[in-house]
N, C-alpha and C. Protein backbone atom coordinates (compact mmCIF):
# COMPACT_ATOMS: atom_id res chain seq x y z
N MET A 1 0.83 -1.17 0.00
CA MET A 1 0.00 0.00 0.00
C MET A 1 0.88 1.24 0.00
N SER A 2 0.49 2.18 -0.80
CA SER A 2 1.25 3.42 -0.86
C SER A 2 0.49 4.54 -0.15
N VAL A 3 1.21 5.48 0.37
CA VAL A 3 0.65 6.62 1.09
C VAL A 3 0.42 7.74 0.08
N PRO A 4 -0.78 8.36 0.09
CA PRO A 4 -1.01 9.45 -0.86
C PRO A 4 -0.09 10.64 -0.57
N PRO A 5 0.31 11.34 -1.59
CA PRO A 5 1.22 12.47 -1.36
C PRO A 5 0.53 13.60 -0.59
N ASP A 6 1.31 14.29 0.22
CA ASP A 6 0.81 15.43 1.00
C ASP A 6 1.22 16.70 0.27
N PHE A 7 0.24 17.41 -0.23
CA PHE A 7 0.53 18.64 -0.97
C PHE A 7 0.54 19.89 -0.08
N GLY A 8 0.28 19.75 1.20
CA GLY A 8 0.33 20.88 2.12
C GLY A 8 -0.93 21.70 2.18
N TRP A 9 -2.02 21.25 1.57
CA TRP A 9 -3.26 22.02 1.65
C TRP A 9 -4.39 21.16 2.16
N GLY A 10 -4.09 20.27 3.08
CA GLY A 10 -5.08 19.37 3.65
C GLY A 10 -6.09 20.13 4.49
N ALA A 11 -7.11 19.43 4.96
CA ALA A 11 -8.22 20.04 5.67
C ALA A 11 -7.81 20.75 6.95
N PRO A 12 -6.99 20.13 7.83
CA PRO A 12 -6.66 20.84 9.07
C PRO A 12 -5.86 22.12 8.82
N THR A 13 -4.91 22.09 7.90
CA THR A 13 -4.11 23.28 7.61
C THR A 13 -4.98 24.36 6.99
N PHE A 14 -5.87 23.99 6.09
CA PHE A 14 -6.74 24.95 5.44
C PHE A 14 -7.70 25.61 6.45
N ALA A 15 -8.22 24.83 7.39
CA ALA A 15 -9.13 25.36 8.40
C ALA A 15 -8.42 26.35 9.31
N LEU A 16 -7.19 26.09 9.64
CA LEU A 16 -6.45 27.02 10.49
C LEU A 16 -6.15 28.32 9.76
N SER A 17 -5.87 28.25 8.49
CA SER A 17 -5.54 29.48 7.78
C SER A 17 -6.78 30.36 7.57
N ILE A 18 -7.98 29.77 7.49
CA ILE A 18 -9.19 30.57 7.36
C ILE A 18 -9.47 31.33 8.65
N LEU A 19 -9.29 30.67 9.77
CA LEU A 19 -9.60 31.29 11.06
C LEU A 19 -8.42 32.01 11.68
N ASP A 20 -7.32 32.09 10.97
CA ASP A 20 -6.12 32.75 11.48
C ASP A 20 -6.41 34.23 11.69
N GLY A 21 -6.26 34.71 12.90
CA GLY A 21 -6.49 36.11 13.22
C GLY A 21 -7.94 36.49 13.43
N PHE A 22 -8.83 35.52 13.42
CA PHE A 22 -10.25 35.82 13.59
C PHE A 22 -10.54 36.47 14.94
N MET A 23 -9.93 35.97 16.00
CA MET A 23 -10.16 36.54 17.33
C MET A 23 -9.63 37.96 17.42
N ASN A 24 -8.43 38.20 16.86
CA ASN A 24 -7.86 39.54 16.91
C ASN A 24 -8.66 40.53 16.10
N ASP A 25 -9.18 40.10 14.94
CA ASP A 25 -9.86 41.02 14.05
C ASP A 25 -11.32 41.27 14.42
N SER A 26 -11.92 40.38 15.18
CA SER A 26 -13.34 40.57 15.48
C SER A 26 -13.59 40.86 16.95
N PHE A 27 -13.25 39.94 17.83
CA PHE A 27 -13.60 40.11 19.24
C PHE A 27 -12.65 41.05 19.96
N LEU A 28 -11.39 41.04 19.61
CA LEU A 28 -10.40 41.82 20.34
C LEU A 28 -9.99 43.08 19.60
N ALA A 29 -10.79 43.55 18.66
CA ALA A 29 -10.44 44.73 17.87
C ALA A 29 -10.75 46.03 18.59
N PHE A 30 -11.61 46.01 19.61
CA PHE A 30 -12.00 47.22 20.32
C PHE A 30 -11.84 47.01 21.82
N GLN A 31 -11.70 48.10 22.54
CA GLN A 31 -11.50 48.03 23.98
C GLN A 31 -12.26 49.17 24.64
N MET A 32 -12.95 48.88 25.74
CA MET A 32 -13.60 49.92 26.54
C MET A 32 -12.64 50.31 27.65
N LEU A 33 -12.26 51.58 27.67
CA LEU A 33 -11.34 52.09 28.67
C LEU A 33 -12.13 52.94 29.65
N GLN A 34 -11.81 52.83 30.93
CA GLN A 34 -12.46 53.64 31.95
C GLN A 34 -11.40 54.35 32.76
N HIS A 35 -11.64 55.61 33.05
CA HIS A 35 -10.72 56.42 33.82
C HIS A 35 -11.34 56.63 35.20
N TYR A 36 -10.86 55.88 36.18
CA TYR A 36 -11.50 55.89 37.49
C TYR A 36 -11.23 57.18 38.28
N GLY A 37 -10.12 57.83 38.02
CA GLY A 37 -9.86 59.12 38.66
C GLY A 37 -10.87 60.17 38.25
N ARG A 38 -11.23 60.18 36.98
CA ARG A 38 -12.27 61.11 36.50
C ARG A 38 -13.63 60.76 37.09
N ARG A 39 -13.90 59.48 37.23
CA ARG A 39 -15.18 59.07 37.81
C ARG A 39 -15.29 59.56 39.25
N ASP A 40 -14.21 59.45 40.01
CA ASP A 40 -14.24 59.95 41.39
C ASP A 40 -14.39 61.46 41.44
N ALA A 41 -13.75 62.16 40.50
CA ALA A 41 -13.78 63.62 40.52
C ALA A 41 -15.08 64.20 40.00
N SER A 42 -15.70 63.55 39.00
CA SER A 42 -16.84 64.19 38.35
C SER A 42 -18.14 63.43 38.44
N GLY A 43 -18.14 62.25 38.98
CA GLY A 43 -19.39 61.49 39.10
C GLY A 43 -19.52 60.45 38.01
N PRO A 44 -20.45 59.54 38.17
CA PRO A 44 -20.53 58.39 37.25
C PRO A 44 -21.13 58.69 35.89
N TYR A 45 -21.73 59.85 35.68
CA TYR A 45 -22.40 60.13 34.41
C TYR A 45 -21.67 61.13 33.53
N HIS A 46 -20.46 61.46 33.87
CA HIS A 46 -19.69 62.39 33.06
C HIS A 46 -19.28 61.71 31.76
N PRO A 47 -19.32 62.41 30.61
CA PRO A 47 -19.04 61.74 29.34
C PRO A 47 -17.58 61.35 29.13
N ALA A 48 -16.65 61.86 29.91
CA ALA A 48 -15.24 61.59 29.66
C ALA A 48 -14.67 60.47 30.51
N ILE A 49 -15.51 59.69 31.21
CA ILE A 49 -14.94 58.65 32.05
C ILE A 49 -14.77 57.34 31.30
N GLU A 50 -15.49 57.14 30.18
CA GLU A 50 -15.36 55.93 29.39
C GLU A 50 -14.99 56.28 27.96
N ARG A 51 -14.19 55.43 27.38
CA ARG A 51 -13.77 55.65 25.99
C ARG A 51 -13.73 54.30 25.29
N PHE A 52 -14.48 54.15 24.21
CA PHE A 52 -14.50 52.95 23.40
C PHE A 52 -13.61 53.20 22.21
N THR A 53 -12.52 52.45 22.08
CA THR A 53 -11.54 52.75 21.05
C THR A 53 -11.08 51.48 20.36
N ALA A 54 -10.62 51.62 19.13
CA ALA A 54 -10.05 50.50 18.39
C ALA A 54 -8.64 50.24 18.88
N THR A 55 -8.26 48.96 18.97
CA THR A 55 -6.92 48.63 19.44
C THR A 55 -5.88 48.87 18.36
N GLY A 56 -6.22 48.66 17.10
CA GLY A 56 -5.30 48.92 16.02
C GLY A 56 -4.27 47.84 15.79
N SER A 57 -4.11 46.92 16.71
CA SER A 57 -3.13 45.84 16.57
C SER A 57 -3.55 44.72 17.52
N ALA A 58 -2.75 43.69 17.57
CA ALA A 58 -3.07 42.60 18.48
C ALA A 58 -3.16 43.16 19.89
N PRO A 59 -4.14 42.75 20.67
CA PRO A 59 -4.35 43.38 21.96
C PRO A 59 -3.20 43.18 22.93
N TYR A 60 -3.00 44.21 23.70
CA TYR A 60 -2.08 44.22 24.82
C TYR A 60 -0.62 44.04 24.43
N ASN A 61 -0.25 44.48 23.24
CA ASN A 61 1.17 44.64 22.97
C ASN A 61 1.50 46.10 23.28
N ILE A 62 2.73 46.49 23.11
CA ILE A 62 3.15 47.83 23.53
C ILE A 62 2.48 48.91 22.68
N GLU A 63 2.25 48.63 21.39
CA GLU A 63 1.59 49.60 20.53
C GLU A 63 0.16 49.86 20.98
N ALA A 64 -0.55 48.80 21.35
CA ALA A 64 -1.93 48.95 21.82
C ALA A 64 -1.97 49.71 23.14
N LEU A 65 -1.03 49.47 24.03
CA LEU A 65 -1.00 50.20 25.30
C LEU A 65 -0.78 51.69 25.07
N PHE A 66 0.11 52.04 24.15
CA PHE A 66 0.30 53.45 23.80
C PHE A 66 -0.99 54.04 23.25
N GLN A 67 -1.70 53.31 22.41
CA GLN A 67 -2.96 53.81 21.86
C GLN A 67 -4.00 54.00 22.94
N PHE A 68 -4.02 53.13 23.94
CA PHE A 68 -4.97 53.28 25.05
C PHE A 68 -4.66 54.55 25.84
N ILE A 69 -3.40 54.80 26.11
CA ILE A 69 -3.01 56.00 26.87
C ILE A 69 -3.36 57.26 26.09
N ILE A 70 -3.12 57.25 24.79
CA ILE A 70 -3.43 58.41 23.95
C ILE A 70 -4.94 58.62 23.88
N ALA A 71 -5.72 57.53 23.82
CA ALA A 71 -7.19 57.66 23.77
C ALA A 71 -7.72 58.26 25.06
N ILE A 72 -7.18 57.87 26.20
CA ILE A 72 -7.59 58.46 27.48
C ILE A 72 -7.20 59.93 27.51
N TRP A 73 -6.01 60.26 27.03
CA TRP A 73 -5.56 61.66 27.01
C TRP A 73 -6.47 62.51 26.13
N ASP A 74 -6.84 61.98 24.95
CA ASP A 74 -7.67 62.74 24.02
C ASP A 74 -9.09 62.94 24.53
N SER A 75 -9.55 62.12 25.45
CA SER A 75 -10.91 62.25 25.95
C SER A 75 -11.02 63.20 27.14
N ARG A 76 -9.90 63.75 27.57
CA ARG A 76 -9.96 64.65 28.73
C ARG A 76 -10.54 66.01 28.32
N GLY A 77 -10.96 66.75 29.27
CA GLY A 77 -11.44 68.09 28.99
C GLY A 77 -10.28 69.05 28.84
N TYR A 78 -10.51 70.14 28.19
CA TYR A 78 -9.50 71.17 28.06
C TYR A 78 -10.14 72.50 28.44
N THR A 79 -9.32 73.42 28.84
CA THR A 79 -9.81 74.67 29.40
C THR A 79 -9.80 75.77 28.36
N SER A 80 -10.90 76.46 28.29
CA SER A 80 -11.04 77.66 27.49
C SER A 80 -11.93 78.59 28.31
N ALA A 81 -11.76 79.88 28.17
CA ALA A 81 -12.52 80.81 29.01
C ALA A 81 -13.19 81.86 28.15
N ILE A 82 -14.29 82.36 28.66
CA ILE A 82 -14.97 83.51 28.06
C ILE A 82 -15.03 84.59 29.12
N ALA A 83 -14.44 85.73 28.80
CA ALA A 83 -14.41 86.85 29.74
C ALA A 83 -15.30 87.97 29.20
N THR A 84 -16.12 88.53 30.06
CA THR A 84 -17.00 89.63 29.69
C THR A 84 -16.66 90.83 30.56
N PHE A 85 -16.50 91.97 29.93
CA PHE A 85 -16.26 93.19 30.70
C PHE A 85 -16.93 94.35 29.98
N ARG A 86 -17.10 95.43 30.72
CA ARG A 86 -17.73 96.63 30.17
C ARG A 86 -16.63 97.49 29.55
N ASN A 87 -16.79 97.80 28.27
CA ASN A 87 -15.76 98.51 27.54
C ASN A 87 -15.55 99.91 28.10
N GLY A 88 -14.31 100.24 28.39
CA GLY A 88 -13.96 101.58 28.85
C GLY A 88 -13.90 101.72 30.36
N GLU A 89 -14.36 100.73 31.11
CA GLU A 89 -14.30 100.86 32.57
C GLU A 89 -12.99 100.33 33.12
N VAL A 90 -12.72 99.05 32.93
CA VAL A 90 -11.46 98.47 33.39
C VAL A 90 -10.50 98.33 32.21
N TYR A 91 -10.99 97.76 31.14
CA TYR A 91 -10.21 97.59 29.92
C TYR A 91 -10.93 98.29 28.77
N THR A 92 -10.14 98.67 27.78
CA THR A 92 -10.69 99.27 26.57
C THR A 92 -10.30 98.40 25.39
N LEU A 93 -11.29 98.03 24.60
CA LEU A 93 -11.04 97.19 23.43
C LEU A 93 -10.18 97.94 22.43
N GLY A 94 -9.12 97.29 21.97
CA GLY A 94 -8.19 97.90 21.02
C GLY A 94 -7.05 98.62 21.68
N GLN A 95 -7.17 98.91 22.97
CA GLN A 95 -6.10 99.59 23.68
C GLN A 95 -5.48 98.67 24.72
N ASP A 96 -6.30 98.09 25.58
CA ASP A 96 -5.82 97.17 26.61
C ASP A 96 -6.00 95.71 26.22
N ALA A 97 -6.96 95.43 25.38
CA ALA A 97 -7.25 94.06 24.96
C ALA A 97 -7.52 94.06 23.46
N PHE A 98 -6.86 93.16 22.75
CA PHE A 98 -7.06 93.05 21.30
C PHE A 98 -6.87 91.60 20.87
N LEU A 99 -7.32 91.29 19.68
CA LEU A 99 -7.27 89.94 19.15
C LEU A 99 -5.82 89.47 19.02
N GLY A 100 -5.54 88.26 19.53
CA GLY A 100 -4.19 87.71 19.46
C GLY A 100 -3.33 88.03 20.66
N MET A 101 -3.84 88.80 21.59
CA MET A 101 -3.08 89.17 22.78
C MET A 101 -3.06 88.01 23.77
N LEU A 102 -1.99 87.88 24.51
CA LEU A 102 -1.89 86.87 25.56
C LEU A 102 -2.59 87.41 26.80
N MET A 103 -3.50 86.62 27.38
CA MET A 103 -4.28 87.08 28.53
C MET A 103 -4.39 85.97 29.56
N SER A 104 -4.44 86.33 30.82
CA SER A 104 -4.59 85.37 31.91
C SER A 104 -5.92 85.58 32.61
N VAL A 105 -6.53 84.48 33.00
CA VAL A 105 -7.79 84.50 33.75
C VAL A 105 -7.60 83.63 34.98
N PHE A 106 -7.92 84.19 36.15
CA PHE A 106 -7.87 83.42 37.39
C PHE A 106 -9.26 82.90 37.69
N TYR A 107 -9.34 81.65 38.17
CA TYR A 107 -10.65 81.07 38.49
C TYR A 107 -10.49 80.11 39.66
N MET A 108 -11.61 79.59 40.12
CA MET A 108 -11.70 78.71 41.30
C MET A 108 -11.07 79.39 42.52
N ASN A 109 -11.61 80.58 42.86
CA ASN A 109 -11.14 81.37 44.00
C ASN A 109 -9.65 81.67 43.93
N ARG A 110 -9.20 81.98 42.73
CA ARG A 110 -7.80 82.36 42.46
C ARG A 110 -6.80 81.25 42.81
N THR A 111 -7.22 80.01 42.68
CA THR A 111 -6.29 78.90 42.89
C THR A 111 -5.76 78.35 41.58
N LYS A 112 -6.43 78.66 40.45
CA LYS A 112 -5.98 78.20 39.14
C LYS A 112 -5.94 79.39 38.19
N VAL A 113 -5.05 79.28 37.20
CA VAL A 113 -4.91 80.35 36.23
C VAL A 113 -4.86 79.74 34.83
N LEU A 114 -5.51 80.39 33.89
CA LEU A 114 -5.46 80.01 32.48
C LEU A 114 -4.81 81.16 31.73
N THR A 115 -3.74 80.87 31.02
CA THR A 115 -3.06 81.86 30.19
C THR A 115 -3.06 81.35 28.76
N ASP A 116 -3.69 82.10 27.89
CA ASP A 116 -3.76 81.71 26.47
C ASP A 116 -4.04 82.97 25.65
N TYR A 117 -4.09 82.80 24.35
CA TYR A 117 -4.31 83.92 23.44
C TYR A 117 -5.79 84.19 23.27
N ILE A 118 -6.13 85.45 23.02
CA ILE A 118 -7.52 85.82 22.74
C ILE A 118 -7.81 85.41 21.30
N GLU A 119 -8.77 84.51 21.14
CA GLU A 119 -9.06 83.94 19.83
C GLU A 119 -10.25 84.61 19.15
N ASN A 120 -11.21 85.11 19.92
CA ASN A 120 -12.41 85.67 19.32
C ASN A 120 -12.90 86.82 20.21
N ILE A 121 -13.34 87.90 19.58
CA ILE A 121 -13.88 89.05 20.32
C ILE A 121 -15.22 89.42 19.69
N SER A 122 -16.21 89.56 20.53
CA SER A 122 -17.49 90.10 20.07
C SER A 122 -17.93 91.16 21.07
N TRP A 123 -18.75 92.08 20.62
CA TRP A 123 -19.16 93.16 21.51
C TRP A 123 -20.61 93.52 21.24
N THR A 124 -21.20 94.18 22.23
CA THR A 124 -22.56 94.66 22.14
C THR A 124 -22.56 96.12 22.55
N TYR A 125 -22.95 96.98 21.62
CA TYR A 125 -23.04 98.41 21.91
C TYR A 125 -24.48 98.85 21.78
N SER A 126 -24.96 99.50 22.79
CA SER A 126 -26.30 100.10 22.77
C SER A 126 -26.25 101.28 23.74
N PRO A 127 -27.31 102.06 23.84
CA PRO A 127 -27.27 103.17 24.80
C PRO A 127 -27.08 102.71 26.25
N THR A 128 -27.46 101.48 26.56
CA THR A 128 -27.34 101.00 27.94
C THR A 128 -26.25 99.95 28.13
N LYS A 129 -25.72 99.38 27.05
CA LYS A 129 -24.73 98.31 27.17
C LYS A 129 -23.49 98.65 26.37
N ARG A 130 -22.36 98.29 26.92
CA ARG A 130 -21.09 98.38 26.22
C ARG A 130 -20.25 97.16 26.60
N ASP A 131 -20.79 95.99 26.39
CA ASP A 131 -20.13 94.76 26.82
C ASP A 131 -19.24 94.20 25.73
N VAL A 132 -18.08 93.71 26.14
CA VAL A 132 -17.13 93.04 25.26
C VAL A 132 -16.99 91.60 25.76
N VAL A 133 -17.13 90.65 24.86
CA VAL A 133 -17.01 89.22 25.20
C VAL A 133 -15.80 88.67 24.46
N MET A 134 -14.84 88.11 25.20
CA MET A 134 -13.62 87.58 24.61
C MET A 134 -13.51 86.09 24.90
N GLN A 135 -13.15 85.31 23.89
CA GLN A 135 -12.84 83.90 24.08
C GLN A 135 -11.34 83.76 24.21
N ILE A 136 -10.91 83.20 25.32
CA ILE A 136 -9.49 83.02 25.60
C ILE A 136 -9.19 81.53 25.43
N GLY A 137 -8.33 81.20 24.51
CA GLY A 137 -8.02 79.81 24.19
C GLY A 137 -8.79 79.39 22.95
N ASP A 138 -8.20 78.49 22.18
CA ASP A 138 -8.82 78.09 20.92
C ASP A 138 -9.75 76.90 21.07
N GLY A 139 -9.84 76.30 22.24
CA GLY A 139 -10.74 75.17 22.43
C GLY A 139 -10.24 73.88 21.85
N GLN A 140 -8.96 73.76 21.59
CA GLN A 140 -8.38 72.52 21.09
C GLN A 140 -7.42 71.96 22.11
N ALA A 141 -7.44 70.66 22.22
CA ALA A 141 -6.56 69.99 23.17
C ALA A 141 -5.14 69.87 22.59
N GLU A 142 -4.17 69.78 23.46
CA GLU A 142 -2.79 69.57 23.03
C GLU A 142 -2.55 68.09 22.75
N GLU A 143 -1.44 67.80 22.09
CA GLU A 143 -1.08 66.41 21.82
C GLU A 143 -0.61 65.74 23.10
N ALA A 144 -0.88 64.47 23.23
CA ALA A 144 -0.49 63.73 24.42
C ALA A 144 1.03 63.67 24.54
N PRO A 145 1.56 63.87 25.75
CA PRO A 145 3.02 63.80 25.91
C PRO A 145 3.58 62.42 25.58
N ILE A 146 2.80 61.37 25.89
CA ILE A 146 3.29 60.02 25.61
C ILE A 146 3.39 59.79 24.10
N ALA A 147 2.55 60.46 23.31
CA ALA A 147 2.65 60.32 21.85
C ALA A 147 3.92 60.97 21.33
N ARG A 148 4.32 62.09 21.91
CA ARG A 148 5.58 62.72 21.51
C ARG A 148 6.77 61.85 21.89
N ILE A 149 6.71 61.25 23.09
CA ILE A 149 7.80 60.37 23.54
C ILE A 149 7.88 59.14 22.63
N GLN A 150 6.72 58.57 22.29
CA GLN A 150 6.70 57.40 21.41
C GLN A 150 7.29 57.75 20.04
N ALA A 151 6.95 58.90 19.49
CA ALA A 151 7.50 59.30 18.20
C ALA A 151 9.01 59.53 18.29
N LEU A 152 9.48 60.08 19.41
CA LEU A 152 10.91 60.30 19.60
C LEU A 152 11.65 58.97 19.69
N VAL A 153 11.12 58.03 20.45
CA VAL A 153 11.77 56.72 20.59
C VAL A 153 11.76 55.97 19.25
N THR A 154 10.64 56.03 18.54
CA THR A 154 10.56 55.37 17.23
C THR A 154 11.55 55.98 16.25
N GLY A 155 11.66 57.30 16.24
CA GLY A 155 12.62 57.97 15.37
C GLY A 155 14.06 57.63 15.72
N ALA A 156 14.35 57.53 17.02
CA ALA A 156 15.71 57.17 17.44
C ALA A 156 16.04 55.74 17.02
N MET A 157 15.08 54.83 17.17
CA MET A 157 15.31 53.44 16.76
C MET A 157 15.50 53.33 15.25
N GLU A 158 14.72 54.07 14.47
CA GLU A 158 14.88 54.05 13.02
C GLU A 158 16.22 54.64 12.61
N SER A 159 16.66 55.69 13.27
CA SER A 159 17.96 56.29 12.97
C SER A 159 19.09 55.32 13.29
N TYR A 160 18.98 54.63 14.40
CA TYR A 160 19.98 53.63 14.78
C TYR A 160 20.04 52.51 13.74
N ASN A 161 18.87 52.05 13.28
CA ASN A 161 18.84 50.99 12.28
C ASN A 161 19.47 51.44 10.97
N VAL A 162 19.27 52.69 10.59
CA VAL A 162 19.87 53.22 9.36
C VAL A 162 21.38 53.33 9.53
N LEU A 163 21.84 53.81 10.67
CA LEU A 163 23.28 53.98 10.89
C LEU A 163 24.01 52.64 10.94
N THR A 164 23.40 51.64 11.54
CA THR A 164 24.06 50.34 11.66
C THR A 164 23.77 49.42 10.49
N LEU A 165 23.01 49.90 9.51
CA LEU A 165 22.62 49.11 8.34
C LEU A 165 21.93 47.80 8.75
N ALA A 166 21.09 47.91 9.75
CA ALA A 166 20.35 46.73 10.23
C ALA A 166 19.35 46.31 9.16
N PRO A 167 19.13 45.00 9.01
CA PRO A 167 18.16 44.55 8.01
C PRO A 167 16.75 44.94 8.42
N GLN A 168 15.91 45.22 7.43
CA GLN A 168 14.52 45.56 7.68
C GLN A 168 13.76 44.29 8.04
N SER A 169 12.98 44.37 9.10
CA SER A 169 12.23 43.19 9.50
C SER A 169 10.75 43.43 9.45
């Protein structure tokens, strides 16, 4: 009796190649992240305590952990202020305050300070009102510090590989 030749595409091998990566691509492709410090500070119904994000790679490798940290950072609140004053009493528009000027606002009983540029100015003039409304800050969040560190480390590793003529893997 002779044994039939094995061409390498038998049923068990074929079944494994069809389901290869199925768990990573379907069940483990997304992750619900919760920030418990925010929950303690703001209560259980605040919109920034949970973040549903794509993992982008096989779960729980270093790349996915960096993405989780960046997703939590991006979901945080950022500070912007609107200041209203009567024109000509304390400040005068165009003389003491103008568009693009750096301005500071103290808040929370003078325990915190916001310093940013004046991004938008609107005013109301009437016989009884001379109010100026200024938006301080552009309302955009900064980039996560861990993302800058990750880019720096990746760039350093790529530079090292180029200098040492390491093979591409």
